[in-house]
């Protein structure tokens, strides 16, 4: 019984550390987040269907390399993409950062 309690406590700690990788200062990686984590982004109401499409597209096509890659997700609109405001982090990851300045809209030329 004691062994089980210790194992459960260690498992809970591992989950907390894993979750913190996605929520550090509110930053969420579109390349790592689960459907639930995408739906939990503060200030943005991502429908479950779109969150699932983001994850499914990533699984089928590999990591997002640019913000524009997210426009290839079925159901993603330019307006919703601007609301998500995906940013490319220093490490190349595509993330939601609540503190990021809005990206400029792509040129229509």
PDB file of N, CA and C in Angstrom:
ATOM      1  N   UNK A   1       0.826  -1.200   0.000  1.00  0.00           N
ATOM      2  CA  UNK A   1       0.000   0.000   0.000  1.00  0.00           C
ATOM      3  C   UNK A   1       0.869   1.262   0.000  1.00  0.00           C
ATOM      4  N   UNK A   2       1.913   1.241   0.827  1.00  0.00           N
ATOM      5  CA  UNK A   2       2.807   2.392   0.901  1.00  0.00           C
ATOM      6  C   UNK A   2       3.481   2.627  -0.459  1.00  0.00           C
ATOM      7  N   UNK A   3       3.871   1.540  -1.110  1.00  0.00           N
ATOM      8  CA  UNK A   3       4.502   1.626  -2.425  1.00  0.00           C
ATOM      9  C   UNK A   3       3.546   2.242  -3.444  1.00  0.00           C
ATOM     10  N   UNK A   4       2.274   1.875  -3.368  1.00  0.00           N
ATOM     11  CA  UNK A   4       1.263   2.402  -4.280  1.00  0.00           C
ATOM     12  C   UNK A   4       1.090   3.912  -4.089  1.00  0.00           C
ATOM     13  N   UNK A   5       1.058   4.353  -2.849  1.00  0.00           N
ATOM     14  CA  UNK A   5       0.899   5.779  -2.555  1.00  0.00           C
ATOM     15  C   UNK A   5       2.089   6.565  -3.104  1.00  0.00           C
ATOM     16  N   UNK A   6       3.283   6.054  -2.898  1.00  0.00           N
ATOM     17  CA  UNK A   6       4.483   6.729  -3.398  1.00  0.00           C
ATOM     18  C   UNK A   6       4.456   6.786  -4.924  1.00  0.00           C
ATOM     19  N   UNK A   7       4.077   5.683  -5.551  1.00  0.00           N
ATOM     20  CA  UNK A   7       3.996   5.637  -7.012  1.00  0.00           C
ATOM     21  C   UNK A   7       2.983   6.646  -7.534  1.00  0.00           C
ATOM     22  N   UNK A   8       1.823   6.727  -6.894  1.00  0.00           N
ATOM     23  CA  UNK A   8       0.798   7.680  -7.315  1.00  0.00           C
ATOM     24  C   UNK A   8       1.267   9.123  -7.139  1.00  0.00           C
ATOM     25  N   UNK A   9       1.959   9.394  -6.054  1.00  0.00           N
ATOM     26  CA  UNK A   9       2.482  10.745  -5.821  1.00  0.00           C
ATOM     27  C   UNK A   9       3.517  11.121  -6.884  1.00  0.00           C
ATOM     28  N   UNK A  10       4.398  10.186  -7.212  1.00  0.00           N
ATOM     29  CA  UNK A  10       5.397  10.453  -8.245  1.00  0.00           C
ATOM     30  C   UNK A  10       4.742  10.667  -9.607  1.00  0.00           C
ATOM     31  N   UNK A  11       3.724   9.880  -9.900  1.00  0.00           N
ATOM     32  CA  UNK A  11       3.003  10.042 -11.167  1.00  0.00           C
ATOM     33  C   UNK A  11       2.335  11.419 -11.232  1.00  0.00           C
ATOM     34  N   UNK A  12       1.746  11.851 -10.130  1.00  0.00           N
ATOM     35  CA  UNK A  12       1.100  13.164 -10.090  1.00  0.00           C
ATOM     36  C   UNK A  12       2.124  14.278 -10.307  1.00  0.00           C
ATOM     37  N   UNK A  13       3.294  14.152  -9.699  1.00  0.00           N
ATOM     38  CA  UNK A  13       4.345  15.155  -9.891  1.00  0.00           C
ATOM     39  C   UNK A  13       4.802  15.206 -11.345  1.00  0.00           C
ATOM     40  N   UNK A  14       4.941  14.043 -11.966  1.00  0.00           N
ATOM     41  CA  UNK A  14       5.333  13.998 -13.381  1.00  0.00           C
ATOM     42  C   UNK A  14       4.305  14.709 -14.249  1.00  0.00           C
ATOM     43  N   UNK A  15       3.039  14.486 -13.966  1.00  0.00           N
ATOM     44  CA  UNK A  15       1.981  15.148 -14.732  1.00  0.00           C
ATOM     45  C   UNK A  15       2.022  16.661 -14.543  1.00  0.00           C
ATOM     46  N   UNK A  16       2.289  17.101 -13.332  1.00  0.00           N
ATOM     47  CA  UNK A  16       2.379  18.539 -13.076  1.00  0.00           C
ATOM     48  C   UNK A  16       3.520  19.170 -13.860  1.00  0.00           C
ATOM     49  N   UNK A  17       4.675  18.498 -13.884  1.00  0.00           N
ATOM     50  CA  UNK A  17       5.810  19.031 -14.629  1.00  0.00           C
ATOM     51  C   UNK A  17       5.538  19.023 -16.124  1.00  0.00           C
ATOM     52  N   UNK A  18       4.880  17.995 -16.623  1.00  0.00           N
ATOM     53  CA  UNK A  18       4.543  17.930 -18.049  1.00  0.00           C
ATOM     54  C   UNK A  18       3.572  19.046 -18.409  1.00  0.00           C
ATOM     55  N   UNK A  19       2.576  19.273 -17.575  1.00  0.00           N
ATOM     56  CA  UNK A  19       1.588  20.322 -17.846  1.00  0.00           C
ATOM     57  C   UNK A  19       2.239  21.698 -17.821  1.00  0.00           C
ATOM     58  N   UNK A  20       3.226  21.884 -16.957  1.00  0.00           N
ATOM     59  CA  UNK A  20       3.863  23.195 -16.869  1.00  0.00           C
ATOM     60  C   UNK A  20       4.634  23.526 -18.141  1.00  0.00           C
ATOM     61  N   UNK A  21       5.058  22.533 -18.890  1.00  0.00           N
ATOM     62  CA  UNK A  21       5.759  22.790 -20.144  1.00  0.00           C
ATOM     63  C   UNK A  21       4.840  23.458 -21.152  1.00  0.00           C
ATOM     64  N   UNK A  22       3.549  23.239 -21.024  1.00  0.00           N
ATOM     65  CA  UNK A  22       2.596  23.812 -21.957  1.00  0.00           C
ATOM     66  C   UNK A  22       2.011  25.119 -21.449  1.00  0.00           C
ATOM     67  N   UNK A  23       2.160  25.428 -20.187  1.00  0.00           N
ATOM     68  CA  UNK A  23       1.466  26.578 -19.631  1.00  0.00           C
ATOM     69  C   UNK A  23       2.407  27.591 -18.991  1.00  0.00           C
ATOM     70  N   UNK A  24       3.685  27.525 -19.302  1.00  0.00           N
ATOM     71  CA  UNK A  24       4.632  28.453 -18.719  1.00  0.00           C
ATOM     72  C   UNK A  24       4.295  29.867 -19.185  1.00  0.00           C
ATOM     73  N   UNK A  25       3.919  30.716 -18.265  1.00  0.00           N
ATOM     74  CA  UNK A  25       3.520  32.092 -18.569  1.00  0.00           C
ATOM     75  C   UNK A  25       2.382  32.158 -19.579  1.00  0.00           C
ATOM     76  N   UNK A  26       1.564  31.118 -19.645  1.00  0.00           N
ATOM     77  CA  UNK A  26       0.436  31.100 -20.567  1.00  0.00           C
ATOM     78  C   UNK A  26       0.796  30.720 -21.988  1.00  0.00           C
ATOM     79  N   UNK A  27       2.067  30.424 -22.252  1.00  0.00           N
ATOM     80  CA  UNK A  27       2.512  30.039 -23.592  1.00  0.00           C
ATOM     81  C   UNK A  27       2.125  28.587 -23.840  1.00  0.00           C
ATOM     82  N   UNK A  28       1.516  28.331 -25.002  1.00  0.00           N
ATOM     83  CA  UNK A  28       1.078  26.982 -25.356  1.00  0.00           C
ATOM     84  C   UNK A  28       1.670  26.624 -26.714  1.00  0.00           C
ATOM     85  N   UNK A  29       2.308  25.464 -26.789  1.00  0.00           N
ATOM     86  CA  UNK A  29       2.888  24.991 -28.043  1.00  0.00           C
ATOM     87  C   UNK A  29       1.823  24.302 -28.881  1.00  0.00           C
ATOM     88  N   UNK A  30       1.635  24.773 -30.107  1.00  0.00           N
ATOM     89  CA  UNK A  30       0.709  24.103 -31.016  1.00  0.00           C
ATOM     90  C   UNK A  30       1.279  22.765 -31.476  1.00  0.00           C
ATOM     91  N   UNK A  31       2.582  22.552 -31.284  1.00  0.00           N
ATOM     92  CA  UNK A  31       3.221  21.301 -31.679  1.00  0.00           C
ATOM     93  C   UNK A  31       3.206  20.246 -30.583  1.00  0.00           C
ATOM     94  N   UNK A  32       2.801  20.616 -29.386  1.00  0.00           N
ATOM     95  CA  UNK A  32       2.820  19.667 -28.270  1.00  0.00           C
ATOM     96  C   UNK A  32       1.494  19.566 -27.526  1.00  0.00           C
ATOM     97  N   UNK A  33       0.661  20.559 -27.632  1.00  0.00           N
ATOM     98  CA  UNK A  33      -0.562  20.632 -26.823  1.00  0.00           C
ATOM     99  C   UNK A  33      -1.575  19.563 -27.219  1.00  0.00           C
ATOM    100  N   UNK A  34      -2.312  19.117 -26.220  1.00  0.00           N
ATOM    101  CA  UNK A  34      -3.426  18.202 -26.436  1.00  0.00           C
ATOM    102  C   UNK A  34      -4.670  19.015 -26.791  1.00  0.00           C
ATOM    103  N   UNK A  35      -5.712  18.316 -27.191  1.00  0.00           N
ATOM    104  CA  UNK A  35      -6.989  18.978 -27.479  1.00  0.00           C
ATOM    105  C   UNK A  35      -7.447  19.758 -26.254  1.00  0.00           C
ATOM    106  N   UNK A  36      -7.359  19.136 -25.090  1.00  0.00           N
ATOM    107  CA  UNK A  36      -7.811  19.776 -23.852  1.00  0.00           C
ATOM    108  C   UNK A  36      -6.997  21.026 -23.542  1.00  0.00           C
ATOM    109  N   UNK A  37      -5.690  20.966 -23.761  1.00  0.00           N
ATOM    110  CA  UNK A  37      -4.844  22.129 -23.487  1.00  0.00           C
ATOM    111  C   UNK A  37      -5.141  23.270 -24.455  1.00  0.00           C
ATOM    112  N   UNK A  38      -5.422  22.939 -25.701  1.00  0.00           N
ATOM    113  CA  UNK A  38      -5.787  23.986 -26.662  1.00  0.00           C
ATOM    114  C   UNK A  38      -7.099  24.643 -26.271  1.00  0.00           C
ATOM    115  N   UNK A  39      -8.055  23.836 -25.843  1.00  0.00           N
ATOM    116  CA  UNK A  39      -9.361  24.380 -25.453  1.00  0.00           C
ATOM    117  C   UNK A  39      -9.281  25.205 -24.173  1.00  0.00           C
ATOM    118  N   UNK A  40      -8.219  25.008 -23.389  1.00  0.00           N
ATOM    119  CA  UNK A  40      -8.073  25.715 -22.114  1.00  0.00           C
ATOM    120  C   UNK A  40      -7.292  27.026 -22.239  1.00  0.00           C
ATOM    121  N   UNK A  41      -6.896  27.402 -23.452  1.00  0.00           N
ATOM    122  CA  UNK A  41      -6.164  28.663 -23.625  1.00  0.00           C
ATOM    123  C   UNK A  41      -7.043  29.817 -23.152  1.00  0.00           C
ATOM    124  N   UNK A  42      -6.487  30.625 -22.255  1.00  0.00           N
ATOM    125  CA  UNK A  42      -7.224  31.769 -21.708  1.00  0.00           C
ATOM    126  C   UNK A  42      -7.576  32.764 -22.807  1.00  0.00           C
ATOM    127  N   UNK A  43      -8.735  33.350 -22.687  1.00  0.00           N
ATOM    128  CA  UNK A  43      -9.194  34.445 -23.549  1.00  0.00           C
ATOM    129  C   UNK A  43      -9.524  34.051 -24.988  1.00  0.00           C
ATOM    130  N   UNK A  44      -9.376  32.779 -25.342  1.00  0.00           N
ATOM    131  CA  UNK A  44      -9.728  32.334 -26.695  1.00  0.00           C
ATOM    132  C   UNK A  44     -10.609  31.104 -26.568  1.00  0.00           C
ATOM    133  N   UNK A  45     -11.737  31.148 -27.219  1.00  0.00           N
ATOM    134  CA  UNK A  45     -12.683  30.032 -27.171  1.00  0.00           C
ATOM    135  C   UNK A  45     -12.478  29.156 -28.403  1.00  0.00           C
ATOM    136  N   UNK A  46     -11.564  28.183 -28.281  1.00  0.00           N
ATOM    137  CA  UNK A  46     -11.301  27.272 -29.393  1.00  0.00           C
ATOM    138  C   UNK A  46     -12.316  26.145 -29.333  1.00  0.00           C
ATOM    139  N   UNK A  47     -13.138  25.998 -30.360  1.00  0.00           N
ATOM    140  CA  UNK A  47     -14.107  24.897 -30.365  1.00  0.00           C
ATOM    141  C   UNK A  47     -13.381  23.553 -30.356  1.00  0.00           C
ATOM    142  N   UNK A  48     -13.993  22.567 -29.737  1.00  0.00           N
ATOM    143  CA  UNK A  48     -13.370  21.248 -29.644  1.00  0.00           C
ATOM    144  C   UNK A  48     -13.025  20.696 -31.029  1.00  0.00           C
ATOM    145  N   UNK A  49     -13.898  20.926 -32.012  1.00  0.00           N
ATOM    146  CA  UNK A  49     -13.650  20.406 -33.357  1.00  0.00           C
ATOM    147  C   UNK A  49     -12.380  21.009 -33.959  1.00  0.00           C
ATOM    148  N   UNK A  50     -12.159  22.301 -33.737  1.00  0.00           N
ATOM    149  CA  UNK A  50     -10.966  22.947 -34.272  1.00  0.00           C
ATOM    150  C   UNK A  50      -9.722  22.498 -33.505  1.00  0.00           C
ATOM    151  N   UNK A  51      -9.825  22.384 -32.193  1.00  0.00           N
ATOM    152  CA  UNK A  51      -8.696  21.893 -31.400  1.00  0.00           C
ATOM    153  C   UNK A  51      -8.304  20.493 -31.860  1.00  0.00           C
ATOM    154  N   UNK A  52      -9.299  19.648 -32.101  1.00  0.00           N
ATOM    155  CA  UNK A  52      -9.029  18.289 -32.579  1.00  0.00           C
ATOM    156  C   UNK A  52      -8.392  18.336 -33.968  1.00  0.00           C
ATOM    157  N   UNK A  53      -8.859  19.231 -34.828  1.00  0.00           N
ATOM    158  CA  UNK A  53      -8.291  19.358 -36.172  1.00  0.00           C
ATOM    159  C   UNK A  53      -6.834  19.823 -36.115  1.00  0.00           C
ATOM    160  N   UNK A  54      -6.506  20.720 -35.180  1.00  0.00           N
ATOM    161  CA  UNK A  54      -5.123  21.187 -35.014  1.00  0.00           C
ATOM    162  C   UNK A  54      -4.222  20.019 -34.642  1.00  0.00           C
ATOM    163  N   UNK A  55      -4.667  19.196 -33.698  1.00  0.00           N
ATOM    164  CA  UNK A  55      -3.886  18.035 -33.259  1.00  0.00           C
ATOM    165  C   UNK A  55      -3.803  16.998 -34.380  1.00  0.00           C
ATOM    166  N   UNK A  56      -4.930  16.709 -35.032  1.00  0.00           N
ATOM    167  CA  UNK A  56      -4.950  15.702 -36.100  1.00  0.00           C
ATOM    168  C   UNK A  56      -4.046  16.103 -37.261  1.00  0.00           C
ATOM    169  N   UNK A  57      -4.092  17.371 -37.652  1.00  0.00           N
ATOM    170  CA  UNK A  57      -3.250  17.841 -38.755  1.00  0.00           C
ATOM    171  C   UNK A  57      -1.775  17.689 -38.388  1.00  0.00           C
ATOM    172  N   UNK A  58      -1.435  18.047 -37.161  1.00  0.00           N
ATOM    173  CA  UNK A  58      -0.046  17.929 -36.698  1.00  0.00           C
ATOM    174  C   UNK A  58       0.410  16.477 -36.728  1.00  0.00           C
ATOM    175  N   UNK A  59      -0.454  15.569 -36.267  1.00  0.00           N
ATOM    176  CA  UNK A  59      -0.094  14.145 -36.260  1.00  0.00           C
ATOM    177  C   UNK A  59       0.086  13.607 -37.676  1.00  0.00           C
ATOM    178  N   UNK A  60      -0.726  14.071 -38.609  1.00  0.00           N
ATOM    179  CA  UNK A  60      -0.677  13.575 -39.987  1.00  0.00           C
ATOM    180  C   UNK A  60       0.452  14.202 -40.806  1.00  0.00           C
ATOM    181  N   UNK A  61       0.821  15.453 -40.486  1.00  0.00           N
ATOM    182  CA  UNK A  61       1.750  16.203 -41.336  1.00  0.00           C
ATOM    183  C   UNK A  61       3.038  16.634 -40.658  1.00  0.00           C
ATOM    184  N   UNK A  62       3.188  16.356 -39.383  1.00  0.00           N
ATOM    185  CA  UNK A  62       4.379  16.782 -38.660  1.00  0.00           C
ATOM    186  C   UNK A  62       4.176  18.141 -38.005  1.00  0.00           C
ATOM    187  N   UNK A  63       5.188  18.571 -37.284  1.00  0.00           N
ATOM    188  CA  UNK A  63       5.109  19.826 -36.533  1.00  0.00           C
ATOM    189  C   UNK A  63       4.867  21.022 -37.443  1.00  0.00           C
ATOM    190  N   UNK A  64       4.183  22.006 -36.877  1.00  0.00           N
ATOM    191  CA  UNK A  64       4.010  23.285 -37.552  1.00  0.00           C
ATOM    192  C   UNK A  64       5.366  23.985 -37.563  1.00  0.00           C
ATOM    193  N   UNK A  65       5.754  24.512 -38.708  1.00  0.00           N
ATOM    194  CA  UNK A  65       7.042  25.209 -38.837  1.00  0.00           C
ATOM    195  C   UNK A  65       6.861  26.722 -38.907  1.00  0.00           C
ATOM    196  N   UNK A  66       5.660  27.149 -39.274  1.00  0.00           N
ATOM    197  CA  UNK A  66       5.379  28.582 -39.377  1.00  0.00           C
ATOM    198  C   UNK A  66       3.931  28.818 -38.980  1.00  0.00           C
ATOM    199  N   UNK A  67       3.620  30.065 -38.695  1.00  0.00           N
ATOM    200  CA  UNK A  67       2.239  30.409 -38.355  1.00  0.00           C
ATOM    201  C   UNK A  67       1.316  30.100 -39.530  1.00  0.00           C
ATOM    202  N   UNK A  68       1.800  30.333 -40.739  1.00  0.00           N
ATOM    203  CA  UNK A  68       0.984  30.097 -41.930  1.00  0.00           C
ATOM    204  C   UNK A  68       0.606  28.626 -42.095  1.00  0.00           C
ATOM    205  N   UNK A  69       1.428  27.713 -41.566  1.00  0.00           N
ATOM    206  CA  UNK A  69       1.097  26.283 -41.629  1.00  0.00           C
ATOM    207  C   UNK A  69      -0.260  26.004 -40.999  1.00  0.00           C
ATOM    208  N   UNK A  70      -0.629  26.790 -40.020  1.00  0.00           N
ATOM    209  CA  UNK A  70      -1.880  26.537 -39.309  1.00  0.00           C
ATOM    210  C   UNK A  70      -3.101  26.845 -40.173  1.00  0.00           C
ATOM    211  N   UNK A  71      -2.921  27.642 -41.226  1.00  0.00           N
ATOM    212  CA  UNK A  71      -4.036  27.914 -42.139  1.00  0.00           C
ATOM    213  C   UNK A  71      -4.419  26.674 -42.948  1.00  0.00           C
ATOM    214  N   UNK A  72      -3.552  25.669 -42.955  1.00  0.00           N
ATOM    215  CA  UNK A  72      -3.834  24.420 -43.667  1.00  0.00           C
ATOM    216  C   UNK A  72      -4.747  23.497 -42.862  1.00  0.00           C
ATOM    217  N   UNK A  73      -4.970  23.818 -41.592  1.00  0.00           N
ATOM    218  CA  UNK A  73      -5.835  23.000 -40.733  1.00  0.00           C
ATOM    219  C   UNK A  73      -7.280  23.143 -41.203  1.00  0.00           C
ATOM    220  N   UNK A  74      -7.963  22.026 -41.452  1.00  0.00           N
ATOM    221  CA  UNK A  74      -9.374  22.114 -41.852  1.00  0.00           C
ATOM    222  C   UNK A  74     -10.192  22.869 -40.804  1.00  0.00           C
ATOM    223  N   UNK A  75     -10.933  23.862 -41.261  1.00  0.00           N
ATOM    224  CA  UNK A  75     -11.767  24.650 -40.357  1.00  0.00           C
ATOM    225  C   UNK A  75     -11.113  25.922 -39.852  1.00  0.00           C
ATOM    226  N   UNK A  76      -9.799  26.074 -40.074  1.00  0.00           N
ATOM    227  CA  UNK A  76      -9.094  27.281 -39.624  1.00  0.00           C
ATOM    228  C   UNK A  76      -9.370  28.420 -40.605  1.00  0.00           C
ATOM    229  N   UNK A  77      -9.841  29.526 -40.089  1.00  0.00           N
ATOM    230  CA  UNK A  77     -10.084  30.701 -40.924  1.00  0.00           C
ATOM    231  C   UNK A  77      -9.006  31.747 -40.658  1.00  0.00           C
ATOM    232  N   UNK A  78      -8.868  32.683 -41.570  1.00  0.00           N
ATOM    233  CA  UNK A  78      -7.903  33.770 -41.386  1.00  0.00           C
ATOM    234  C   UNK A  78      -8.246  34.570 -40.128  1.00  0.00           C
ATOM    235  N   UNK A  79      -9.530  34.829 -39.901  1.00  0.00           N
ATOM    236  CA  UNK A  79      -9.940  35.594 -38.721  1.00  0.00           C
ATOM    237  C   UNK A  79      -9.580  34.869 -37.429  1.00  0.00           C
ATOM    238  N   UNK A  80      -9.843  33.561 -37.374  1.00  0.00           N
ATOM    239  CA  UNK A  80      -9.536  32.823 -36.151  1.00  0.00           C
ATOM    240  C   UNK A  80      -8.027  32.695 -35.982  1.00  0.00           C
ATOM    241  N   UNK A  81      -7.323  32.554 -37.084  1.00  0.00           N
ATOM    242  CA  UNK A  81      -5.865  32.493 -37.039  1.00  0.00           C
ATOM    243  C   UNK A  81      -5.308  33.782 -36.440  1.00  0.00           C
ATOM    244  N   UNK A  82      -5.871  34.926 -36.826  1.00  0.00           N
ATOM    245  CA  UNK A  82      -5.414  36.197 -36.266  1.00  0.00           C
ATOM    246  C   UNK A  82      -5.723  36.285 -34.776  1.00  0.00           C
ATOM    247  N   UNK A  83      -6.827  35.681 -34.349  1.00  0.00           N
ATOM    248  CA  UNK A  83      -7.151  35.661 -32.922  1.00  0.00           C
ATOM    249  C   UNK A  83      -6.152  34.792 -32.156  1.00  0.00           C
ATOM    250  N   UNK A  84      -5.783  33.643 -32.740  1.00  0.00           N
ATOM    251  CA  UNK A  84      -4.789  32.771 -32.100  1.00  0.00           C
ATOM    252  C   UNK A  84      -3.413  33.425 -32.078  1.00  0.00           C
ATOM    253  N   UNK A  85      -3.119  34.224 -33.108  1.00  0.00           N
ATOM    254  CA  UNK A  85      -1.852  34.937 -33.202  1.00  0.00           C
ATOM    255  C   UNK A  85      -0.651  34.016 -32.962  1.00  0.00           C
ATOM    256  N   UNK A  86      -0.532  32.924 -33.737  1.00  0.00           N
ATOM    257  CA  UNK A  86       0.596  32.015 -33.510  1.00  0.00           C
ATOM    258  C   UNK A  86       1.920  32.713 -33.779  1.00  0.00           C
ATOM    259  N   UNK A  87       2.895  32.413 -32.943  1.00  0.00           N
ATOM    260  CA  UNK A  87       4.221  33.011 -33.024  1.00  0.00           C
ATOM    261  C   UNK A  87       5.255  31.900 -33.166  1.00  0.00           C
ATOM    262  N   UNK A  88       6.345  32.186 -33.853  1.00  0.00           N
ATOM    263  CA  UNK A  88       7.453  31.242 -33.912  1.00  0.00           C
ATOM    264  C   UNK A  88       8.421  31.634 -32.800  1.00  0.00           C
ATOM    265  N   UNK A  89       8.607  30.714 -31.856  1.00  0.00           N
ATOM    266  CA  UNK A  89       9.489  30.960 -30.715  1.00  0.00           C
ATOM    267  C   UNK A  89      10.954  30.873 -31.151  1.00  0.00           C
ATOM    268  N   UNK A  90      11.851  31.288 -30.275  1.00  0.00           N
ATOM    269  CA  UNK A  90      13.286  31.259 -30.570  1.00  0.00           C
ATOM    270  C   UNK A  90      13.771  29.864 -30.940  1.00  0.00           C
ATOM    271  N   UNK A  91      13.136  28.838 -30.367  1.00  0.00           N
ATOM    272  CA  UNK A  91      13.545  27.458 -30.649  1.00  0.00           C
ATOM    273  C   UNK A  91      12.866  26.884 -31.892  1.00  0.00           C
ATOM    274  N   UNK A  92      12.082  27.706 -32.607  1.00  0.00           N
ATOM    275  CA  UNK A  92      11.416  27.262 -33.822  1.00  0.00           C
ATOM    276  C   UNK A  92      10.031  26.697 -33.610  1.00  0.00           C
ATOM    277  N   UNK A  93       9.610  26.566 -32.363  1.00  0.00           N
ATOM    278  CA  UNK A  93       8.281  26.039 -32.062  1.00  0.00           C
ATOM    279  C   UNK A  93       7.223  27.095 -32.395  1.00  0.00           C
ATOM    280  N   UNK A  94       6.058  26.648 -32.831  1.00  0.00           N
ATOM    281  CA  UNK A  94       4.948  27.559 -33.106  1.00  0.00           C
ATOM    282  C   UNK A  94       4.050  27.554 -31.877  1.00  0.00           C
ATOM    283  N   UNK A  95       3.866  28.729 -31.276  1.00  0.00           N
ATOM    284  CA  UNK A  95       3.210  28.816 -29.974  1.00  0.00           C
ATOM    285  C   UNK A  95       2.149  29.908 -29.941  1.00  0.00           C
ATOM    286  N   UNK A  96       1.254  29.762 -28.973  1.00  0.00           N
ATOM    287  CA  UNK A  96       0.359  30.847 -28.573  1.00  0.00           C
ATOM    288  C   UNK A  96       1.031  31.521 -27.391  1.00  0.00           C
ATOM    289  N   UNK A  97       1.255  32.813 -27.492  1.00  0.00           N
ATOM    290  CA  UNK A  97       1.853  33.582 -26.403  1.00  0.00           C
ATOM    291  C   UNK A  97       0.936  34.763 -26.116  1.00  0.00           C
ATOM    292  N   UNK A  98       0.277  34.758 -24.951  1.00  0.00           N
ATOM    293  CA  UNK A  98      -0.681  35.826 -24.660  1.00  0.00           C
ATOM    294  C   UNK A  98      -0.050  37.212 -24.599  1.00  0.00           C
ATOM    295  N   UNK A  99       1.258  37.277 -24.412  1.00  0.00           N
ATOM    296  CA  UNK A  99       1.935  38.567 -24.304  1.00  0.00           C
ATOM    297  C   UNK A  99       2.529  39.044 -25.628  1.00  0.00           C
ATOM    298  N   UNK A 100       2.391  38.248 -26.682  1.00  0.00           N
ATOM    299  CA  UNK A 100       2.987  38.605 -27.972  1.00  0.00           C
ATOM    300  C   UNK A 100       2.194  39.713 -28.652  1.00  0.00           C
ATOM    301  N   UNK A 101       2.911  40.545 -29.351  1.00  0.00           N
ATOM    302  CA  UNK A 101       2.274  41.578 -30.163  1.00  0.00           C
ATOM    303  C   UNK A 101       1.555  40.891 -31.318  1.00  0.00           C
ATOM    304  N   UNK A 102       0.433  41.425 -31.743  1.00  0.00           N
ATOM    305  CA  UNK A 102      -0.250  40.824 -32.899  1.00  0.00           C
ATOM    306  C   UNK A 102       0.655  40.825 -34.126  1.00  0.00           C
ATOM    307  N   UNK A 103       0.681  39.684 -34.796  1.00  0.00           N
ATOM    308  CA  UNK A 103       1.469  39.586 -36.028  1.00  0.00           C
ATOM    309  C   UNK A 103       0.765  40.377 -37.117  1.00  0.00           C
ATOM    310  N   UNK A 104       1.531  40.867 -38.032  1.00  0.00           N
ATOM    311  CA  UNK A 104       0.938  41.585 -39.158  1.00  0.00           C
ATOM    312  C   UNK A 104       0.197  40.599 -40.042  1.00  0.00           C
ATOM    313  N   UNK A 105      -0.905  41.024 -40.579  1.00  0.00           N
ATOM    314  CA  UNK A 105      -1.663  40.168 -41.497  1.00  0.00           C
ATOM    315  C   UNK A 105      -0.833  39.944 -42.751  1.00  0.00           C
ATOM    316  N   UNK A 106      -0.927  38.746 -43.340  1.00  0.00           N
ATOM    317  CA  UNK A 106      -0.173  38.474 -44.563  1.00  0.00           C
ATOM    318  C   UNK A 106      -0.572  39.443 -45.678  1.00  0.00           C
ATOM    319  N   UNK A 107       0.372  39.743 -46.523  1.00  0.00           N
ATOM    320  CA  UNK A 107       0.118  40.644 -47.645  1.00  0.00           C
ATOM    321  C   UNK A 107      -0.876  40.021 -48.611  1.00  0.00           C
ATOM    322  N   UNK A 108      -1.738  40.839 -49.168  1.00  0.00           N
ATOM    323  CA  UNK A 108      -2.727  40.349 -50.127  1.00  0.00           C
ATOM    324  C   UNK A 108      -2.294  40.657 -51.554  1.00  0.00           C
ATOM    325  N   UNK A 109      -1.017  41.006 -51.735  1.00  0.00           N
ATOM    326  CA  UNK A 109      -0.496  41.321 -53.074  1.00  0.00           C
ATOM    327  C   UNK A 109      -0.309  40.061 -53.872  1.00  0.00           C
TER     328      UNK A 109
END
